[in-house]
C-alpha atoms as a PDB file:
ATOM      1  CA  UNK A   1      96.585 112.653  79.241  1.00  0.00           C
ATOM      2  CA  UNK A   2      94.433 110.480  81.525  1.00  0.00           C
ATOM      3  CA  UNK A   3      96.237 109.626  85.099  1.00  0.00           C
ATOM      4  CA  UNK A   4      94.805 106.508  86.519  1.00  0.00           C
ATOM      5  CA  UNK A   5      96.674 107.292  89.702  1.00  0.00           C
ATOM      6  CA  UNK A   6      96.515 110.867  90.462  1.00  0.00           C
ATOM      7  CA  UNK A   7      98.233 110.640  94.076  1.00  0.00           C
ATOM      8  CA  UNK A   8     100.758 108.247  92.439  1.00  0.00           C
ATOM      9  CA  UNK A   9     101.390 110.863  90.310  1.00  0.00           C
ATOM     10  CA  UNK A  10     102.088 113.953  92.435  1.00  0.00           C
ATOM     11  CA  UNK A  11     104.148 111.799  94.799  1.00  0.00           C
ATOM     12  CA  UNK A  12     106.172 110.312  91.715  1.00  0.00           C
ATOM     13  CA  UNK A  13     106.836 114.273  90.461  1.00  0.00           C
ATOM     14  CA  UNK A  14     107.847 115.606  94.294  1.00  0.00           C
ATOM     15  CA  UNK A  15     110.458 112.259  94.166  1.00  0.00           C
ATOM     16  CA  UNK A  16     111.702 113.424  90.585  1.00  0.00           C
ATOM     17  CA  UNK A  17     112.099 116.912  91.474  1.00  0.00           C
ATOM     18  CA  UNK A  18     114.048 116.254  94.329  1.00  0.00           C
ATOM     19  CA  UNK A  19     116.362 113.669  92.382  1.00  0.00           C
ATOM     20  CA  UNK A  20     117.341 117.098  90.835  1.00  0.00           C
ATOM     21  CA  UNK A  21     117.434 119.154  93.384  1.00  0.00           C
ATOM     22  CA  UNK A  22     114.747 121.524  92.011  1.00  0.00           C
ATOM     23  CA  UNK A  23     113.122 124.147  94.108  1.00  0.00           C
ATOM     24  CA  UNK A  24     109.812 123.765  93.181  1.00  0.00           C
ATOM     25  CA  UNK A  25     107.203 121.265  91.321  1.00  0.00           C
ATOM     26  CA  UNK A  26     103.612 121.677  89.971  1.00  0.00           C
ATOM     27  CA  UNK A  27     100.882 119.264  89.907  1.00  0.00           C
ATOM     28  CA  UNK A  28      97.491 119.236  88.792  1.00  0.00           C
ATOM     29  CA  UNK A  29      95.213 120.621  91.480  1.00  0.00           C
ATOM     30  CA  UNK A  30      92.499 118.134  93.652  1.00  0.00           C
ATOM     31  CA  UNK A  31      90.954 118.069  96.691  1.00  0.00           C
ATOM     32  CA  UNK A  32      92.495 114.711  97.880  1.00  0.00           C
ATOM     33  CA  UNK A  33      96.024 116.269  96.596  1.00  0.00           C
ATOM     34  CA  UNK A  34      95.537 119.252  98.872  1.00  0.00           C
ATOM     35  CA  UNK A  35      94.547 117.122 101.634  1.00  0.00           C
ATOM     36  CA  UNK A  36      97.951 115.297 101.482  1.00  0.00           C
ATOM     37  CA  UNK A  37     100.271 118.063 100.816  1.00  0.00           C
ATOM     38  CA  UNK A  38      98.749 119.529 103.706  1.00  0.00           C
ATOM     39  CA  UNK A  39      99.759 116.627 106.091  1.00  0.00           C
ATOM     40  CA  UNK A  40     103.036 116.912 103.885  1.00  0.00           C
ATOM     41  CA  UNK A  41     103.449 120.334 105.049  1.00  0.00           C
ATOM     42  CA  UNK A  42     102.203 119.914 108.645  1.00  0.00           C
ATOM     43  CA  UNK A  43     104.635 117.212 109.325  1.00  0.00           C
ATOM     44  CA  UNK A  44     107.282 119.236 107.841  1.00  0.00           C
ATOM     45  CA  UNK A  45     108.241 117.767 104.614  1.00  0.00           C
ATOM     46  CA  UNK A  46     107.712 120.336 102.286  1.00  0.00           C
ATOM     47  CA  UNK A  47     108.240 123.861 102.784  1.00  0.00           C
ATOM     48  CA  UNK A  48     104.519 124.726 101.668  1.00  0.00           C
ATOM     49  CA  UNK A  49     102.218 124.951  98.527  1.00  0.00           C
ATOM     50  CA  UNK A  50     100.171 127.743  96.692  1.00  0.00           C
ATOM     51  CA  UNK A  51      97.128 127.181  94.143  1.00  0.00           C
ATOM     52  CA  UNK A  52      97.653 128.937  91.068  1.00  0.00           C
ATOM     53  CA  UNK A  53      94.400 128.793  88.771  1.00  0.00           C
ATOM     54  CA  UNK A  54      94.730 129.790  84.996  1.00  0.00           C
ATOM     55  CA  UNK A  55      91.650 130.616  82.694  1.00  0.00           C
ATOM     56  CA  UNK A  56      89.190 127.615  81.489  1.00  0.00           C
ATOM     57  CA  UNK A  57      88.906 126.381  84.901  1.00  0.00           C
ATOM     58  CA  UNK A  58      92.358 124.411  85.283  1.00  0.00           C
ATOM     59  CA  UNK A  59      94.199 124.967  88.519  1.00  0.00           C
ATOM     60  CA  UNK A  60      97.634 123.574  89.620  1.00  0.00           C
ATOM     61  CA  UNK A  61      99.285 123.222  93.085  1.00  0.00           C
ATOM     62  CA  UNK A  62     102.701 124.715  93.125  1.00  0.00           C
ATOM     63  CA  UNK A  63     104.732 122.630  95.798  1.00  0.00           C
ATOM     64  CA  UNK A  64     107.877 124.544  97.108  1.00  0.00           C
ATOM     65  CA  UNK A  65     110.463 121.460  98.075  1.00  0.00           C
ATOM     66  CA  UNK A  66     112.082 121.462 101.533  1.00  0.00           C
ATOM     67  CA  UNK A  67     116.097 120.981 101.658  1.00  0.00           C
ATOM     68  CA  UNK A  68     118.357 120.418 104.809  1.00  0.00           C
ATOM     69  CA  UNK A  69     122.397 120.509 104.234  1.00  0.00           C
ATOM     70  CA  UNK A  70     121.671 120.476 100.827  1.00  0.00           C
ATOM     71  CA  UNK A  71     119.988 116.782 100.845  1.00  0.00           C
ATOM     72  CA  UNK A  72     116.189 116.684 100.096  1.00  0.00           C
ATOM     73  CA  UNK A  73     113.954 116.188 103.431  1.00  0.00           C
ATOM     74  CA  UNK A  74     111.934 113.505 101.824  1.00  0.00           C
ATOM     75  CA  UNK A  75     114.236 110.422 101.863  1.00  0.00           C
ATOM     76  CA  UNK A  76     111.535 108.004 100.273  1.00  0.00           C
ATOM     77  CA  UNK A  77     108.116 108.616  99.657  1.00  0.00           C
ATOM     78  CA  UNK A  78     106.016 105.703  98.251  1.00  0.00           C
ATOM     79  CA  UNK A  79     102.523 104.953  97.445  1.00  0.00           C
ATOM     80  CA  UNK A  80     101.152 102.060  99.744  1.00  0.00           C
ATOM     81  CA  UNK A  81      97.126 101.904  98.470  1.00  0.00           C
ATOM     82  CA  UNK A  82      97.165 101.689  94.359  1.00  0.00           C
ATOM     83  CA  UNK A  83      93.988 101.852  92.314  1.00  0.00           C
ATOM     84  CA  UNK A  84      94.661  97.755  92.015  1.00  0.00           C
ATOM     85  CA  UNK A  85      95.171  96.669  95.469  1.00  0.00           C
ATOM     86  CA  UNK A  86      94.029  98.771  98.137  1.00  0.00           C
ATOM     87  CA  UNK A  87      95.603  98.499 101.648  1.00  0.00           C
ATOM     88  CA  UNK A  88      93.419  99.417 104.642  1.00  0.00           C
ATOM     89  CA  UNK A  89      94.546  99.282 108.434  1.00  0.00           C
ATOM     90  CA  UNK A  90      92.740  99.376 111.536  1.00  0.00           C
ATOM     91  CA  UNK A  91      94.258 101.869 114.393  1.00  0.00           C
ATOM     92  CA  UNK A  92      95.744  98.938 116.098  1.00  0.00           C
ATOM     93  CA  UNK A  93      97.294  97.446 113.177  1.00  0.00           C
ATOM     94  CA  UNK A  94      99.122 100.762 112.297  1.00  0.00           C
ATOM     95  CA  UNK A  95     102.943 100.025 111.780  1.00  0.00           C
ATOM     96  CA  UNK A  96     105.522 102.253 112.386  1.00  0.00           C
ATOM     97  CA  UNK A  97     107.221 103.852 109.308  1.00  0.00           C
ATOM     98  CA  UNK A  98     111.159 103.470 109.685  1.00  0.00           C
ATOM     99  CA  UNK A  99     110.844 102.497 113.171  1.00  0.00           C
ATOM    100  CA  UNK A 100     108.706 105.845 114.070  1.00  0.00           C
ATOM    101  CA  UNK A 101     111.031 108.399 112.053  1.00  0.00           C
ATOM    102  CA  UNK A 102     108.686 108.210 109.371  1.00  0.00           C
ATOM    103  CA  UNK A 103     104.930 109.064 108.528  1.00  0.00           C
ATOM    104  CA  UNK A 104     101.788 106.851 106.981  1.00  0.00           C
ATOM    105  CA  UNK A 105      99.146 109.151 105.749  1.00  0.00           C
ATOM    106  CA  UNK A 106      96.018 107.795 106.154  1.00  0.00           C
ATOM    107  CA  UNK A 107      92.712 108.425 104.529  1.00  0.00           C
ATOM    108  CA  UNK A 108      89.903 107.975 107.018  1.00  0.00           C
ATOM    109  CA  UNK A 109      86.107 108.819 107.758  1.00  0.00           C
ATOM    110  CA  UNK A 110      87.300 112.107 109.644  1.00  0.00           C
ATOM    111  CA  UNK A 111      89.643 113.009 106.891  1.00  0.00           C
ATOM    112  CA  UNK A 112      93.273 112.570 105.712  1.00  0.00           C
ATOM    113  CA  UNK A 113      95.567 112.704 108.517  1.00  0.00           C
ATOM    114  CA  UNK A 114      98.609 111.059 109.797  1.00  0.00           C
ATOM    115  CA  UNK A 115      99.266 108.039 111.537  1.00  0.00           C
ATOM    116  CA  UNK A 116     100.118 109.434 114.671  1.00  0.00           C
ATOM    117  CA  UNK A 117      97.170 111.609 114.623  1.00  0.00           C
ATOM    118  CA  UNK A 118      94.971 108.802 113.515  1.00  0.00           C
ATOM    119  CA  UNK A 119      96.394 106.826 116.560  1.00  0.00           C
ATOM    120  CA  UNK A 120      95.412 109.871 119.142  1.00  0.00           C
ATOM    121  CA  UNK A 121      91.377 110.290 117.080  1.00  0.00           C
ATOM    122  CA  UNK A 122      91.616 106.107 117.604  1.00  0.00           C
ATOM    123  CA  UNK A 123      90.722 105.796 114.044  1.00  0.00           C
ATOM    124  CA  UNK A 124      92.157 103.660 110.846  1.00  0.00           C
ATOM    125  CA  UNK A 125      91.272 103.895 107.073  1.00  0.00           C
ATOM    126  CA  UNK A 126      93.251 103.399 103.999  1.00  0.00           C
ATOM    127  CA  UNK A 127      97.078 104.039 103.611  1.00  0.00           C
ATOM    128  CA  UNK A 128      97.611 106.258 101.017  1.00  0.00           C
ATOM    129  CA  UNK A 129     101.600 106.689 101.535  1.00  0.00           C
ATOM    130  CA  UNK A 130     104.616 106.251 103.401  1.00  0.00           C
ATOM    131  CA  UNK A 131     107.282 109.019 103.821  1.00  0.00           C
ATOM    132  CA  UNK A 132     110.395 109.073 105.136  1.00  0.00           C
END
């Protein structure tokens, strides 16, 4: 099965697993997904993740989802820039997600980072997704 939007697929898997109150979810491994998971873990939206390697060169990420008082920590996770419509933003045009309570994940020339870190490093880029 070919996936046109691997990052969108990972976000959908996380969203669907949290609607069913699953403890873990798996997704195929890639460098972009790993960098996005790093930002999600750094910002406290997931407990963590582990890479699981299988024979034949295949590998997956096992993502541990996070809950607080029985409710998912991630209320909303949306893909912003899609393969059919790329969305870029300069550092001065970066909008706050949920009035500053959420995080936008950007792909910048300095790597994948949160919007607050992008403002600190004064760099813009492609807005991958918004998390609240």
